[in-house]
């Protein structure tokens, strides 16, 4: 049987009809199976509970050596007894874009100016006392800083700021003004901004994106693909909460969508972080930020006889719900 993957047509004005210019095809001699319409297989009885377990590719033997499981977890913030329980899972092959992650931290640079004194021994005393859990000692050290700023002691921060000005000239002309810049050029000096690098906390939550290309080889696999798409779409959305809304179809609140527990398997073994010599990473529970489906085939609009697309491509983006620390890195994240 000849299967066409591309056919190019053009309009012939003389003939008044479409004329085929070129085509691409390949010969296929394998078995044929008519793919049944997914809605005929699932109908209105689509199950959204823990018994939903879908796999692609389906019926592989002995199975994929490397794969990912996406386990839906009922709303973590729910007050019901089902919070955190499994709400079904999907097993998919491991795509190339699954093997990457990134880490970031917030590092800023600030201009301390005359307050550079505060970043010295006085602030060091406060930090040391707090690190030791001695809050009364930290308070005492902070009182010293307050006195210094107020001018009670010999170390006067305000005076130090004045001394940092060059001969009073830049004090009179702002360093950022044209006059101040002219004085800087004439004297060959500028105000010392006393810049410092400051750690500002974790850079954000990690995100993970995946793209899967799903092509059914049988009616059973077409059903599986349909269920996989609906599985992700349904569990990424919220439910309606309680209370009367502004009309008959709305509610006052919405429930949280499901979280996803994402697990990697390499050579049929779970990546659990127990082997520090293995580089692949674990992932904390995630919310799904986006989900997209594409039913084109190699940028072409291609359908089977029963109007089903030849290819289903799904793209998903997840955001981790937990910031990482050194302990997480040691645990394999």
Protein backbone atom coordinates (compact mmCIF):
# COMPACT_ATOMS: atom_id res chain seq x y z
CA UNK A 1 0.00 0.00 0.00
CA UNK A 2 1.27 3.46 -0.87
CA UNK A 3 1.03 6.08 1.92
CA UNK A 4 1.39 9.72 0.85
CA UNK A 5 3.08 12.13 3.25
CA UNK A 6 3.02 15.20 0.98
CA UNK A 7 1.09 16.19 -2.17
CA UNK A 8 1.58 19.59 -3.88
CA UNK A 9 -1.23 20.88 -6.13
CA UNK A 10 -1.48 24.00 -8.31
CA UNK A 11 -4.32 25.59 -10.24
CA UNK A 12 -4.17 25.26 -14.05
CA UNK A 13 -6.03 28.20 -15.66
CA UNK A 14 -6.17 26.51 -19.06
CA UNK A 15 -7.65 23.27 -17.71
CA UNK A 16 -9.66 25.00 -15.01
CA UNK A 17 -8.69 22.43 -12.41
CA UNK A 18 -6.08 21.49 -9.79
CA UNK A 19 -3.03 19.70 -11.18
CA UNK A 20 -0.68 17.63 -9.03
CA UNK A 21 2.88 18.96 -9.22
CA UNK A 22 4.73 16.61 -6.89
CA UNK A 23 4.24 14.11 -4.08
CA UNK A 24 6.14 12.20 -1.41
CA UNK A 25 5.17 8.71 -0.32
CA UNK A 26 6.41 5.39 0.98
CA UNK A 27 5.24 1.81 0.48
CA UNK A 28 3.79 0.02 3.52
CA UNK A 29 3.17 -3.74 3.70
CA UNK A 30 2.40 -4.18 7.41
CA UNK A 31 -0.95 -4.93 9.12
CA UNK A 32 -3.81 -2.42 8.98
CA UNK A 33 -6.13 -1.55 11.86
CA UNK A 34 -9.01 0.90 11.64
CA UNK A 35 -8.70 3.44 14.45
CA UNK A 36 -12.03 3.81 16.23
CA UNK A 37 -13.16 7.32 17.14
CA UNK A 38 -12.06 7.98 20.76
CA UNK A 39 -15.43 9.40 21.80
CA UNK A 40 -17.05 6.12 20.83
CA UNK A 41 -14.70 4.28 23.15
CA UNK A 42 -14.96 6.51 26.20
CA UNK A 43 -18.26 8.35 25.88
CA UNK A 44 -19.54 10.28 28.87
CA UNK A 45 -18.18 7.76 31.38
CA UNK A 46 -14.67 9.16 31.41
CA UNK A 47 -13.14 8.18 34.73
CA UNK A 48 -11.08 10.82 36.54
CA UNK A 49 -10.17 8.77 39.58
CA UNK A 50 -7.13 6.88 40.77
CA UNK A 51 -7.86 3.99 38.40
CA UNK A 52 -6.79 6.09 35.41
CA UNK A 53 -3.47 4.60 34.34
CA UNK A 54 -2.40 5.29 30.77
CA UNK A 55 0.78 4.35 28.89
CA UNK A 56 2.32 5.39 25.57
CA UNK A 57 3.66 3.59 23.61
CA UNK A 58 1.14 0.94 24.56
CA UNK A 59 1.70 -2.83 24.58
CA UNK A 60 5.47 -2.59 24.09
CA UNK A 61 7.52 -5.65 24.87
CA UNK A 62 9.64 -5.79 26.99
CA UNK A 63 8.82 -2.12 27.56
CA UNK A 64 10.64 1.18 27.40
CA UNK A 65 13.94 1.24 29.33
CA UNK A 66 13.75 5.01 29.95
CA UNK A 67 10.45 6.68 30.76
CA UNK A 68 8.66 9.29 32.89
CA UNK A 69 5.64 8.84 35.13
CA UNK A 70 3.28 11.74 35.84
CA UNK A 71 1.26 10.98 38.99
CA UNK A 72 -1.62 13.36 39.67
CA UNK A 73 -2.14 14.23 43.34
CA UNK A 74 -5.43 15.58 44.65
CA UNK A 75 -5.40 19.23 45.72
CA UNK A 76 -2.67 19.61 48.31
CA UNK A 77 -4.37 22.58 49.96
CA UNK A 78 -7.70 20.80 50.27
CA UNK A 79 -9.04 20.18 53.77
CA UNK A 80 -10.60 16.87 52.79
CA UNK A 81 -9.19 13.48 53.70
CA UNK A 82 -8.25 12.85 50.04
CA UNK A 83 -5.59 15.58 50.04
CA UNK A 84 -2.36 14.35 48.45
CA UNK A 85 -3.78 10.99 47.36
CA UNK A 86 -3.13 9.64 43.89
CA UNK A 87 -5.54 10.69 41.16
CA UNK A 88 -4.22 8.48 38.38
CA UNK A 89 -1.00 8.45 36.38
CA UNK A 90 0.44 8.54 32.87
CA UNK A 91 3.62 6.80 31.70
CA UNK A 92 5.36 8.28 28.65
CA UNK A 93 8.64 7.70 26.88
CA UNK A 94 11.50 9.98 27.93
CA UNK A 95 11.93 12.79 25.34
CA UNK A 96 15.24 14.63 24.82
CA UNK A 97 13.98 17.84 26.44
CA UNK A 98 13.43 15.98 29.72
CA UNK A 99 17.15 15.76 30.40
CA UNK A 100 17.74 19.38 31.37
CA UNK A 101 17.16 21.62 34.35
CA UNK A 102 18.49 24.94 35.64
CA UNK A 103 19.21 26.54 38.99
CA UNK A 104 19.34 30.25 39.83
CA UNK A 105 19.97 32.52 42.79
CA UNK A 106 19.25 36.20 43.34
CA UNK A 107 22.56 38.08 43.54
CA UNK A 108 22.34 41.89 43.53
CA UNK A 109 24.82 44.73 43.71
CA UNK A 110 23.99 47.70 45.93
CA UNK A 111 25.60 51.07 46.62
CA UNK A 112 26.17 51.42 50.36
CA UNK A 113 27.80 54.85 50.25
CA UNK A 114 28.61 56.19 53.72
CA UNK A 115 26.72 53.32 55.32
CA UNK A 116 29.59 50.97 54.49
CA UNK A 117 30.44 51.27 58.21
CA UNK A 118 27.28 49.37 59.04
CA UNK A 119 28.45 46.45 56.91
CA UNK A 120 31.55 46.12 59.07
CA UNK A 121 32.01 44.77 62.55
CA UNK A 122 28.73 46.11 63.96
CA UNK A 123 26.51 44.25 61.49
CA UNK A 124 28.84 41.28 61.83
CA UNK A 125 28.09 41.22 65.54
CA UNK A 126 24.34 41.19 64.85
CA UNK A 127 24.67 38.33 62.36
CA UNK A 128 26.88 36.28 64.67
CA UNK A 129 24.47 36.65 67.57
CA UNK A 130 21.46 35.72 65.43
CA UNK A 131 23.26 32.71 63.95
CA UNK A 132 24.00 31.53 67.50
CA UNK A 133 20.34 31.92 68.43
CA UNK A 134 21.14 34.69 70.92
CA UNK A 135 18.42 37.22 70.14
CA UNK A 136 19.18 39.37 73.17
CA UNK A 137 22.79 39.64 72.04
CA UNK A 138 21.63 40.57 68.54
CA UNK A 139 19.40 43.27 70.00
CA UNK A 140 22.32 44.68 71.99
CA UNK A 141 24.51 44.80 68.88
CA UNK A 142 21.72 46.52 66.97
CA UNK A 143 21.55 49.18 69.71
CA UNK A 144 25.23 49.97 69.08
CA UNK A 145 24.44 50.51 65.42
CA UNK A 146 21.57 52.82 66.30
CA UNK A 147 23.87 54.90 68.52
CA UNK A 148 26.45 55.12 65.78
CA UNK A 149 23.92 56.41 63.26
CA UNK A 150 22.60 58.92 65.83
CA UNK A 151 26.10 60.24 66.46
CA UNK A 152 26.36 59.21 70.10
CA UNK A 153 29.63 57.38 69.62
CA UNK A 154 32.87 58.43 67.95
CA UNK A 155 31.99 56.36 64.88
CA UNK A 156 29.36 58.55 63.27
CA UNK A 157 27.98 57.17 60.03
CA UNK A 158 26.66 60.55 58.94
CA UNK A 159 30.10 62.11 59.45
CA UNK A 160 31.69 59.25 57.54
CA UNK A 161 29.40 59.98 54.62
CA UNK A 162 30.52 63.59 54.63
CA UNK A 163 34.17 62.60 54.67
CA UNK A 164 33.63 60.50 51.60
CA UNK A 165 32.88 63.64 49.59
CA UNK A 166 35.89 65.02 47.73
CA UNK A 167 36.92 68.34 49.28
CA UNK A 168 33.30 69.37 49.59
CA UNK A 169 33.16 70.07 45.84
CA UNK A 170 31.06 67.04 44.93
CA UNK A 171 28.99 67.65 48.03
CA UNK A 172 27.97 70.99 46.56
CA UNK A 173 27.44 69.60 43.06
CA UNK A 174 25.57 66.29 42.80
CA UNK A 175 27.81 63.62 41.30
CA UNK A 176 25.13 62.79 38.77
CA UNK A 177 24.75 66.39 37.55
CA UNK A 178 26.75 68.05 34.80
CA UNK A 179 28.42 70.30 37.38
CA UNK A 180 29.36 67.34 39.53
CA UNK A 181 30.78 65.48 36.55
CA UNK A 182 32.82 68.54 35.59
CA UNK A 183 34.28 68.71 39.09
CA UNK A 184 35.07 64.97 38.95
CA UNK A 185 36.95 65.43 35.70
CA UNK A 186 38.87 68.40 37.08
CA UNK A 187 39.84 66.70 40.34
CA UNK A 188 40.24 63.20 38.93
CA UNK A 189 38.07 61.85 41.76
CA UNK A 190 34.52 60.59 42.22
CA UNK A 191 32.41 59.64 45.18
CA UNK A 192 33.10 56.08 46.26
CA UNK A 193 29.75 54.28 45.93
CA UNK A 194 31.02 51.45 48.15
CA UNK A 195 29.31 48.84 45.97
CA UNK A 196 28.77 45.41 47.47
CA UNK A 197 27.42 42.10 46.21
CA UNK A 198 24.41 41.04 48.27
CA UNK A 199 22.66 37.67 48.27
CA UNK A 200 18.94 38.28 47.78
CA UNK A 201 17.55 34.75 48.10
CA UNK A 202 16.63 31.91 45.73
CA UNK A 203 16.14 32.97 42.14
CA UNK A 204 12.80 31.21 41.80
CA UNK A 205 11.12 27.86 41.38
CA UNK A 206 12.46 25.45 38.78
CA UNK A 207 10.37 24.88 35.66
CA UNK A 208 10.24 21.80 33.43
CA UNK A 209 8.93 21.51 29.87
CA UNK A 210 8.20 18.38 27.84
CA UNK A 211 7.09 17.67 24.28
CA UNK A 212 5.73 14.29 23.21
CA UNK A 213 4.79 13.15 19.71
CA UNK A 214 2.06 10.51 19.87
CA UNK A 215 1.19 8.44 16.77
CA UNK A 216 -1.38 5.63 17.19
CA UNK A 217 -0.54 2.25 15.70
CA UNK A 218 -3.89 0.67 16.59
CA UNK A 219 -7.40 1.51 17.74
CA UNK A 220 -6.38 0.63 21.29
CA UNK A 221 -3.48 3.09 21.18
CA UNK A 222 -5.71 5.81 19.69
CA UNK A 223 -7.92 5.43 22.74
CA UNK A 224 -4.90 5.64 25.01
CA UNK A 225 -3.72 8.90 23.39
CA UNK A 226 -7.18 10.44 23.72
CA UNK A 227 -7.27 9.51 27.41
CA UNK A 228 -3.77 10.88 28.01
CA UNK A 229 -4.68 14.28 26.53
CA UNK A 230 -7.85 14.51 28.59
CA UNK A 231 -6.02 13.33 31.71
CA UNK A 232 -3.63 16.27 31.63
CA UNK A 233 -6.19 18.85 30.56
CA UNK A 234 -8.61 17.94 33.31
CA UNK A 235 -6.10 17.73 36.14
CA UNK A 236 -4.42 21.05 35.36
CA UNK A 237 -7.71 22.94 35.78
CA UNK A 238 -9.47 23.93 39.02
CA UNK A 239 -12.83 22.68 40.19
CA UNK A 240 -15.73 24.77 41.43
CA UNK A 241 -15.92 25.42 45.14
CA UNK A 242 -18.83 26.10 47.42
CA UNK A 243 -21.07 29.11 47.82
CA UNK A 244 -23.53 30.95 45.62
CA UNK A 245 -22.03 32.89 42.73
CA UNK A 246 -23.24 35.89 40.78
CA UNK A 247 -25.28 33.62 38.54
CA UNK A 248 -26.48 30.04 38.40
CA UNK A 249 -23.30 28.65 36.85
CA UNK A 250 -20.59 30.27 38.96
CA UNK A 251 -19.32 29.70 42.46
CA UNK A 252 -17.66 31.95 44.99
CA UNK A 253 -14.47 29.88 45.10
CA UNK A 254 -12.39 27.55 42.96
CA UNK A 255 -10.51 24.51 44.21
CA UNK A 256 -6.80 24.05 43.51
CA UNK A 257 -5.90 21.90 40.49
CA UNK A 258 -4.02 18.66 41.02
CA UNK A 259 -0.30 18.63 41.66
CA UNK A 260 1.94 16.30 39.67
CA UNK A 261 4.61 14.00 41.01
CA UNK A 262 7.13 13.54 38.19
CA UNK A 263 9.45 10.53 38.35
CA UNK A 264 12.27 9.56 36.00
CA UNK A 265 13.18 5.94 35.28
CA UNK A 266 16.51 5.04 33.67
CA UNK A 267 17.08 1.44 32.59
CA UNK A 268 13.80 0.65 34.39
CA UNK A 269 15.19 1.94 37.70
CA UNK A 270 13.75 4.91 39.59
CA UNK A 271 15.99 7.97 39.86
CA UNK A 272 15.78 8.46 43.63
CA UNK A 273 19.00 10.35 44.37
CA UNK A 274 20.48 7.52 46.43
CA UNK A 275 23.48 7.17 44.11
CA UNK A 276 25.50 10.39 44.23
CA UNK A 277 27.50 9.33 41.15
CA UNK A 278 24.42 9.47 38.88
CA UNK A 279 23.79 12.96 37.42
CA UNK A 280 20.06 12.82 36.63
CA UNK A 281 17.89 14.87 38.99
CA UNK A 282 14.70 14.39 40.98
CA UNK A 283 11.77 16.81 40.94
CA UNK A 284 9.54 18.04 43.76
CA UNK A 285 5.77 18.11 43.23
CA UNK A 286 4.73 20.52 40.49
CA UNK A 287 1.73 22.45 39.21
CA UNK A 288 1.14 22.37 35.47
CA UNK A 289 1.44 25.90 34.07
CA UNK A 290 0.56 25.23 30.45
CA UNK A 291 -0.61 22.45 28.16
CA UNK A 292 -0.80 22.60 24.37
CA UNK A 293 -1.94 20.15 21.71
CA UNK A 294 -1.01 20.14 18.02
CA UNK A 295 -2.79 17.81 15.62
CA UNK A 296 -0.79 18.59 12.48
CA UNK A 297 1.60 16.08 10.91
CA UNK A 298 4.95 17.49 9.74
CA UNK A 299 3.28 20.91 9.26
CA UNK A 300 0.59 19.28 7.13
CA UNK A 301 -3.11 18.84 7.78
CA UNK A 302 -3.51 15.05 7.66
CA UNK A 303 -6.44 12.96 8.83
CA UNK A 304 -7.46 9.32 8.72
CA UNK A 305 -10.69 8.17 7.09
CA UNK A 306 -12.54 8.50 10.40
CA UNK A 307 -11.41 12.17 10.71
CA UNK A 308 -8.80 11.42 13.36
CA UNK A 309 -5.44 13.25 13.07
CA UNK A 310 -2.43 11.16 12.17
CA UNK A 311 -0.33 12.76 14.89
CA UNK A 312 -0.99 14.25 18.34
CA UNK A 313 1.80 16.42 19.74
CA UNK A 314 1.48 17.59 23.35
CA UNK A 315 3.62 20.20 25.07
CA UNK A 316 3.56 20.70 28.84
CA UNK A 317 5.19 23.09 31.27
CA UNK A 318 5.44 22.48 35.03
CA UNK A 319 6.58 24.64 37.95
CA UNK A 320 8.07 23.10 41.08
CA UNK A 321 6.27 23.94 44.34
CA UNK A 322 9.36 23.97 46.56
CA UNK A 323 12.51 26.10 46.65
CA UNK A 324 15.78 24.20 46.81
CA UNK A 325 18.43 24.24 49.54
CA UNK A 326 21.74 22.46 50.00
CA UNK A 327 19.89 19.56 51.60
CA UNK A 328 17.79 19.13 48.43
CA UNK A 329 20.91 19.04 46.26
CA UNK A 330 22.37 16.32 48.52
CA UNK A 331 19.10 14.41 48.12
CA UNK A 332 19.45 14.36 44.33
CA UNK A 333 17.42 17.36 43.21
